């Protein structure tokens, strides 16, 4: 019986963390209140504070959960060499996580898709795990690769959230994966793309 209650409590807490993460991703820490999160999860403010004693504690739990999710994805692909196979594995892992935990992934990917965001939002570790899964860093020299990865992550965030709102998570999964892989381009990471002649406007 204790195991069942513990599993139920963990599921409830993960649901709260996911909804809270979505709000923090959209509004930021400062503009998200405990009451906002309580309303989103269908609890009273006192009920939410029973699970997490303060907004800071809730935010720390959200960040820790997002970091854990990011590290799990990174571990899934870390042994693979950079290239299309690793890109596919990273995209599929992130899509599956995003379809299961849309709020957490929105929080993880917000800094990657909104560069130069709110400086008081300590989300770099979560975002960088997603970038590292593709073998890139925010300050790397290969700017085309960085732009393509950010584009793929932005597409992933938008499309998985849309799949949730449309109730199409299963149907859209392969299309989301294909779209993200298209954004990453046909070449291997680090390959030099062919020169294209400039087109005058």
C-alpha atoms as a PDB file:
ATOM      1  CA  UNK A   1       0.000   0.000   0.000  1.00  0.00           C
ATOM      2  CA  UNK A   2       2.868   2.383   0.858  1.00  0.00           C
ATOM      3  CA  UNK A   3       4.440   1.849  -2.584  1.00  0.00           C
ATOM      4  CA  UNK A   4       1.141   2.668  -4.296  1.00  0.00           C
ATOM      5  CA  UNK A   5       0.734   5.866  -2.260  1.00  0.00           C
ATOM      6  CA  UNK A   6       4.338   6.839  -2.912  1.00  0.00           C
ATOM      7  CA  UNK A   7       3.914   6.292  -6.670  1.00  0.00           C
ATOM      8  CA  UNK A   8       0.651   8.289  -6.638  1.00  0.00           C
ATOM      9  CA  UNK A   9       2.301  11.145  -4.720  1.00  0.00           C
ATOM     10  CA  UNK A  10       5.208  11.165  -7.192  1.00  0.00           C
ATOM     11  CA  UNK A  11       2.767  11.265 -10.119  1.00  0.00           C
ATOM     12  CA  UNK A  12       0.829  14.153  -8.544  1.00  0.00           C
ATOM     13  CA  UNK A  13       4.049  16.048  -7.825  1.00  0.00           C
ATOM     14  CA  UNK A  14       5.322  15.506 -11.391  1.00  0.00           C
ATOM     15  CA  UNK A  15       2.010  16.811 -12.739  1.00  0.00           C
ATOM     16  CA  UNK A  16       2.335  19.923 -10.572  1.00  0.00           C
ATOM     17  CA  UNK A  17       5.954  20.415 -11.633  1.00  0.00           C
ATOM     18  CA  UNK A  18       5.064  20.095 -15.308  1.00  0.00           C
ATOM     19  CA  UNK A  19       2.237  22.645 -15.117  1.00  0.00           C
ATOM     20  CA  UNK A  20       4.396  25.000 -13.043  1.00  0.00           C
ATOM     21  CA  UNK A  21       7.261  24.623 -15.524  1.00  0.00           C
ATOM     22  CA  UNK A  22       4.966  25.624 -18.393  1.00  0.00           C
ATOM     23  CA  UNK A  23       3.965  28.786 -16.523  1.00  0.00           C
ATOM     24  CA  UNK A  24       7.557  29.641 -15.589  1.00  0.00           C
ATOM     25  CA  UNK A  25       8.618  29.091 -19.213  1.00  0.00           C
ATOM     26  CA  UNK A  26       5.889  31.389 -20.508  1.00  0.00           C
ATOM     27  CA  UNK A  27       5.881  34.130 -17.854  1.00  0.00           C
ATOM     28  CA  UNK A  28       9.169  33.798 -15.979  1.00  0.00           C
ATOM     29  CA  UNK A  29       9.648  33.277 -12.245  1.00  0.00           C
ATOM     30  CA  UNK A  30       8.877  36.849 -11.204  1.00  0.00           C
ATOM     31  CA  UNK A  31       5.542  37.090 -13.024  1.00  0.00           C
ATOM     32  CA  UNK A  32       4.266  33.637 -11.980  1.00  0.00           C
ATOM     33  CA  UNK A  33       2.499  33.525  -8.617  1.00  0.00           C
ATOM     34  CA  UNK A  34       1.755  30.551  -6.365  1.00  0.00           C
ATOM     35  CA  UNK A  35      -1.930  31.243  -7.041  1.00  0.00           C
ATOM     36  CA  UNK A  36      -1.300  31.017 -10.822  1.00  0.00           C
ATOM     37  CA  UNK A  37       0.217  27.564 -10.377  1.00  0.00           C
ATOM     38  CA  UNK A  38      -2.509  26.478  -7.945  1.00  0.00           C
ATOM     39  CA  UNK A  39      -5.186  27.525 -10.463  1.00  0.00           C
ATOM     40  CA  UNK A  40      -3.396  25.657 -13.274  1.00  0.00           C
ATOM     41  CA  UNK A  41      -3.232  22.395 -11.318  1.00  0.00           C
ATOM     42  CA  UNK A  42      -6.703  22.641  -9.768  1.00  0.00           C
ATOM     43  CA  UNK A  43      -5.593  23.081  -6.165  1.00  0.00           C
ATOM     44  CA  UNK A  44      -6.147  25.783  -3.597  1.00  0.00           C
ATOM     45  CA  UNK A  45      -3.129  27.899  -2.755  1.00  0.00           C
ATOM     46  CA  UNK A  46      -2.954  26.123   0.628  1.00  0.00           C
ATOM     47  CA  UNK A  47      -3.190  22.747  -1.121  1.00  0.00           C
ATOM     48  CA  UNK A  48      -0.284  23.609  -3.411  1.00  0.00           C
ATOM     49  CA  UNK A  49       1.781  24.865  -0.457  1.00  0.00           C
ATOM     50  CA  UNK A  50       1.166  21.492   1.212  1.00  0.00           C
ATOM     51  CA  UNK A  51       3.189  19.923  -1.640  1.00  0.00           C
ATOM     52  CA  UNK A  52       5.768  22.718  -1.976  1.00  0.00           C
ATOM     53  CA  UNK A  53       6.159  25.109   0.989  1.00  0.00           C
ATOM     54  CA  UNK A  54       7.027  28.227  -1.066  1.00  0.00           C
ATOM     55  CA  UNK A  55       7.304  29.559  -4.601  1.00  0.00           C
ATOM     56  CA  UNK A  56      11.093  29.291  -4.341  1.00  0.00           C
ATOM     57  CA  UNK A  57      10.833  25.637  -3.264  1.00  0.00           C
ATOM     58  CA  UNK A  58       8.464  24.926  -6.149  1.00  0.00           C
ATOM     59  CA  UNK A  59      10.797  26.614  -8.633  1.00  0.00           C
ATOM     60  CA  UNK A  60      13.822  24.731  -7.295  1.00  0.00           C
ATOM     61  CA  UNK A  61      11.900  21.455  -7.644  1.00  0.00           C
ATOM     62  CA  UNK A  62      10.924  22.378 -11.223  1.00  0.00           C
ATOM     63  CA  UNK A  63      14.541  23.194 -12.116  1.00  0.00           C
ATOM     64  CA  UNK A  64      15.816  19.982 -10.509  1.00  0.00           C
ATOM     65  CA  UNK A  65      13.228  17.932 -12.407  1.00  0.00           C
ATOM     66  CA  UNK A  66      14.096  19.691 -15.684  1.00  0.00           C
ATOM     67  CA  UNK A  67      17.794  19.088 -15.071  1.00  0.00           C
ATOM     68  CA  UNK A  68      17.113  15.402 -14.412  1.00  0.00           C
ATOM     69  CA  UNK A  69      15.099  15.136 -17.642  1.00  0.00           C
ATOM     70  CA  UNK A  70      17.867  16.901 -19.604  1.00  0.00           C
ATOM     71  CA  UNK A  71      20.534  14.611 -18.161  1.00  0.00           C
ATOM     72  CA  UNK A  72      18.462  11.524 -19.013  1.00  0.00           C
ATOM     73  CA  UNK A  73      18.260  12.634 -22.648  1.00  0.00           C
ATOM     74  CA  UNK A  74      21.970  13.422 -22.721  1.00  0.00           C
ATOM     75  CA  UNK A  75      22.828   9.988 -21.266  1.00  0.00           C
ATOM     76  CA  UNK A  76      20.764   8.324 -23.996  1.00  0.00           C
ATOM     77  CA  UNK A  77      22.933   9.805 -26.757  1.00  0.00           C
ATOM     78  CA  UNK A  78      26.279  10.530 -25.064  1.00  0.00           C
ATOM     79  CA  UNK A  79      27.989   7.340 -26.312  1.00  0.00           C
ATOM     80  CA  UNK A  80      27.078   7.961 -29.950  1.00  0.00           C
ATOM     81  CA  UNK A  81      29.448   9.840 -32.257  1.00  0.00           C
ATOM     82  CA  UNK A  82      28.238  13.169 -33.631  1.00  0.00           C
ATOM     83  CA  UNK A  83      26.296  12.765 -36.846  1.00  0.00           C
ATOM     84  CA  UNK A  84      22.852  12.031 -38.264  1.00  0.00           C
ATOM     85  CA  UNK A  85      22.308   8.940 -36.102  1.00  0.00           C
ATOM     86  CA  UNK A  86      22.970  10.890 -32.910  1.00  0.00           C
ATOM     87  CA  UNK A  87      20.830  13.791 -34.165  1.00  0.00           C
ATOM     88  CA  UNK A  88      17.943  11.389 -34.792  1.00  0.00           C
ATOM     89  CA  UNK A  89      18.358   9.751 -31.381  1.00  0.00           C
ATOM     90  CA  UNK A  90      18.474  13.151 -29.650  1.00  0.00           C
ATOM     91  CA  UNK A  91      15.414  14.435 -31.522  1.00  0.00           C
ATOM     92  CA  UNK A  92      13.418  11.278 -30.802  1.00  0.00           C
ATOM     93  CA  UNK A  93      14.372  11.302 -27.108  1.00  0.00           C
ATOM     94  CA  UNK A  94      13.455  14.987 -26.741  1.00  0.00           C
ATOM     95  CA  UNK A  95      10.193  14.567 -28.655  1.00  0.00           C
ATOM     96  CA  UNK A  96       9.173  11.640 -26.446  1.00  0.00           C
ATOM     97  CA  UNK A  97      10.002  13.611 -23.300  1.00  0.00           C
ATOM     98  CA  UNK A  98       8.171  16.672 -24.653  1.00  0.00           C
ATOM     99  CA  UNK A  99       5.071  14.653 -25.417  1.00  0.00           C
ATOM    100  CA  UNK A 100       5.112  13.206 -21.883  1.00  0.00           C
ATOM    101  CA  UNK A 101       6.181  16.390 -20.034  1.00  0.00           C
ATOM    102  CA  UNK A 102       5.341  19.440 -22.186  1.00  0.00           C
ATOM    103  CA  UNK A 103       5.881  22.005 -19.432  1.00  0.00           C
ATOM    104  CA  UNK A 104       9.290  20.712 -18.416  1.00  0.00           C
ATOM    105  CA  UNK A 105      10.477  20.681 -22.030  1.00  0.00           C
ATOM    106  CA  UNK A 106       9.065  24.181 -22.630  1.00  0.00           C
ATOM    107  CA  UNK A 107      11.159  25.379 -19.676  1.00  0.00           C
ATOM    108  CA  UNK A 108      14.247  23.492 -20.865  1.00  0.00           C
ATOM    109  CA  UNK A 109      14.017  24.827 -24.396  1.00  0.00           C
ATOM    110  CA  UNK A 110      12.900  28.400 -23.691  1.00  0.00           C
ATOM    111  CA  UNK A 111      16.454  29.755 -23.273  1.00  0.00           C
ATOM    112  CA  UNK A 112      17.606  28.009 -26.468  1.00  0.00           C
ATOM    113  CA  UNK A 113      14.784  29.507 -28.496  1.00  0.00           C
ATOM    114  CA  UNK A 114      14.714  32.906 -26.736  1.00  0.00           C
ATOM    115  CA  UNK A 115      18.379  33.864 -26.578  1.00  0.00           C
ATOM    116  CA  UNK A 116      19.146  36.776 -24.281  1.00  0.00           C
ATOM    117  CA  UNK A 117      16.045  36.155 -22.162  1.00  0.00           C
ATOM    118  CA  UNK A 118      15.456  37.350 -18.605  1.00  0.00           C
ATOM    119  CA  UNK A 119      18.827  37.389 -16.837  1.00  0.00           C
ATOM    120  CA  UNK A 120      17.303  36.453 -13.466  1.00  0.00           C
ATOM    121  CA  UNK A 121      16.049  33.133 -14.834  1.00  0.00           C
ATOM    122  CA  UNK A 122      18.628  30.438 -13.869  1.00  0.00           C
ATOM    123  CA  UNK A 123      17.786  27.983 -16.652  1.00  0.00           C
ATOM    124  CA  UNK A 124      21.099  27.664 -18.516  1.00  0.00           C
ATOM    125  CA  UNK A 125      21.917  24.154 -17.271  1.00  0.00           C
ATOM    126  CA  UNK A 126      18.610  22.738 -18.491  1.00  0.00           C
ATOM    127  CA  UNK A 127      18.869  24.412 -21.886  1.00  0.00           C
ATOM    128  CA  UNK A 128      22.506  23.456 -22.379  1.00  0.00           C
ATOM    129  CA  UNK A 129      21.711  19.765 -21.820  1.00  0.00           C
ATOM    130  CA  UNK A 130      19.479  19.913 -24.909  1.00  0.00           C
ATOM    131  CA  UNK A 131      22.207  21.691 -26.901  1.00  0.00           C
ATOM    132  CA  UNK A 132      24.876  19.224 -25.712  1.00  0.00           C
ATOM    133  CA  UNK A 133      22.729  16.317 -26.900  1.00  0.00           C
ATOM    134  CA  UNK A 134      23.463  17.657 -30.409  1.00  0.00           C
ATOM    135  CA  UNK A 135      27.124  18.355 -29.627  1.00  0.00           C
ATOM    136  CA  UNK A 136      26.849  22.147 -29.632  1.00  0.00           C
ATOM    137  CA  UNK A 137      27.375  24.977 -27.139  1.00  0.00           C
ATOM    138  CA  UNK A 138      26.002  28.545 -27.241  1.00  0.00           C
ATOM    139  CA  UNK A 139      29.462  29.999 -27.924  1.00  0.00           C
ATOM    140  CA  UNK A 140      30.719  27.567 -30.550  1.00  0.00           C
ATOM    141  CA  UNK A 141      32.374  28.646 -33.771  1.00  0.00           C
ATOM    142  CA  UNK A 142      30.072  26.780 -36.195  1.00  0.00           C
ATOM    143  CA  UNK A 143      27.236  29.293 -36.221  1.00  0.00           C
ATOM    144  CA  UNK A 144      25.207  27.499 -38.899  1.00  0.00           C
ATOM    145  CA  UNK A 145      25.108  24.342 -36.789  1.00  0.00           C
ATOM    146  CA  UNK A 146      24.105  26.349 -33.697  1.00  0.00           C
ATOM    147  CA  UNK A 147      21.316  28.096 -35.626  1.00  0.00           C
ATOM    148  CA  UNK A 148      20.050  24.790 -37.031  1.00  0.00           C
ATOM    149  CA  UNK A 149      19.987  23.155 -33.584  1.00  0.00           C
ATOM    150  CA  UNK A 150      18.184  26.143 -32.054  1.00  0.00           C
ATOM    151  CA  UNK A 151      15.714  26.029 -34.957  1.00  0.00           C
ATOM    152  CA  UNK A 152      15.111  22.313 -34.418  1.00  0.00           C
ATOM    153  CA  UNK A 153      14.583  22.834 -30.676  1.00  0.00           C
ATOM    154  CA  UNK A 154      12.219  25.750 -31.258  1.00  0.00           C
ATOM    155  CA  UNK A 155      10.228  23.655 -33.748  1.00  0.00           C
ATOM    156  CA  UNK A 156      10.177  20.764 -31.288  1.00  0.00           C
ATOM    157  CA  UNK A 157       8.846  22.978 -28.479  1.00  0.00           C
ATOM    158  CA  UNK A 158       6.149  24.610 -30.610  1.00  0.00           C
ATOM    159  CA  UNK A 159       5.008  21.444 -32.371  1.00  0.00           C
ATOM    160  CA  UNK A 160       4.836  19.222 -29.294  1.00  0.00           C
ATOM    161  CA  UNK A 161       2.813  21.875 -27.458  1.00  0.00           C
ATOM    162  CA  UNK A 162       0.501  22.131 -30.482  1.00  0.00           C
ATOM    163  CA  UNK A 163       0.214  18.324 -30.588  1.00  0.00           C
ATOM    164  CA  UNK A 164      -0.894  18.397 -26.945  1.00  0.00           C
ATOM    165  CA  UNK A 165      -3.466  21.117 -27.479  1.00  0.00           C
ATOM    166  CA  UNK A 166      -4.857  19.338 -30.563  1.00  0.00           C
ATOM    167  CA  UNK A 167      -4.863  15.906 -28.886  1.00  0.00           C
ATOM    168  CA  UNK A 168      -2.574  14.559 -31.643  1.00  0.00           C
ATOM    169  CA  UNK A 169       0.504  13.473 -29.686  1.00  0.00           C
ATOM    170  CA  UNK A 170       0.642   9.981 -31.214  1.00  0.00           C
ATOM    171  CA  UNK A 171      -0.376  10.991 -34.744  1.00  0.00           C
ATOM    172  CA  UNK A 172       2.037  13.935 -34.974  1.00  0.00           C
ATOM    173  CA  UNK A 173       5.102  12.307 -33.373  1.00  0.00           C
ATOM    174  CA  UNK A 174       6.748  11.133 -36.608  1.00  0.00           C
ATOM    175  CA  UNK A 175       5.989  14.448 -38.337  1.00  0.00           C
ATOM    176  CA  UNK A 176       7.545  16.413 -35.460  1.00  0.00           C
ATOM    177  CA  UNK A 177      10.669  14.219 -35.596  1.00  0.00           C
ATOM    178  CA  UNK A 178      10.899  14.671 -39.396  1.00  0.00           C
ATOM    179  CA  UNK A 179      10.474  18.453 -39.144  1.00  0.00           C
ATOM    180  CA  UNK A 180      13.222  18.745 -36.517  1.00  0.00           C
ATOM    181  CA  UNK A 181      15.588  16.580 -38.584  1.00  0.00           C
ATOM    182  CA  UNK A 182      14.843  18.748 -41.640  1.00  0.00           C
ATOM    183  CA  UNK A 183      15.792  21.830 -39.590  1.00  0.00           C
ATOM    184  CA  UNK A 184      19.120  20.208 -38.698  1.00  0.00           C
ATOM    185  CA  UNK A 185      19.952  19.839 -42.388  1.00  0.00           C
ATOM    186  CA  UNK A 186      21.393  17.028 -44.495  1.00  0.00           C
ATOM    187  CA  UNK A 187      25.063  17.262 -43.490  1.00  0.00           C
ATOM    188  CA  UNK A 188      26.996  15.893 -40.557  1.00  0.00           C
ATOM    189  CA  UNK A 189      27.741  18.258 -37.654  1.00  0.00           C
ATOM    190  CA  UNK A 190      30.867  20.217 -38.404  1.00  0.00           C
ATOM    191  CA  UNK A 191      30.701  19.670 -42.149  1.00  0.00           C
ATOM    192  CA  UNK A 192      31.226  22.727 -44.319  1.00  0.00           C
ATOM    193  CA  UNK A 193      28.149  23.544 -46.400  1.00  0.00           C
ATOM    194  CA  UNK A 194      28.621  24.369 -50.078  1.00  0.00           C
ATOM    195  CA  UNK A 195      28.894  28.051 -50.947  1.00  0.00           C
ATOM    196  CA  UNK A 196      25.746  29.580 -52.351  1.00  0.00           C
ATOM    197  CA  UNK A 197      25.951  32.649 -54.557  1.00  0.00           C
ATOM    198  CA  UNK A 198      24.507  35.777 -52.977  1.00  0.00           C
ATOM    199  CA  UNK A 199      21.147  36.812 -54.298  1.00  0.00           C
ATOM    200  CA  UNK A 200      20.505  40.517 -54.556  1.00  0.00           C
ATOM    201  CA  UNK A 201      17.143  41.670 -53.185  1.00  0.00           C
END
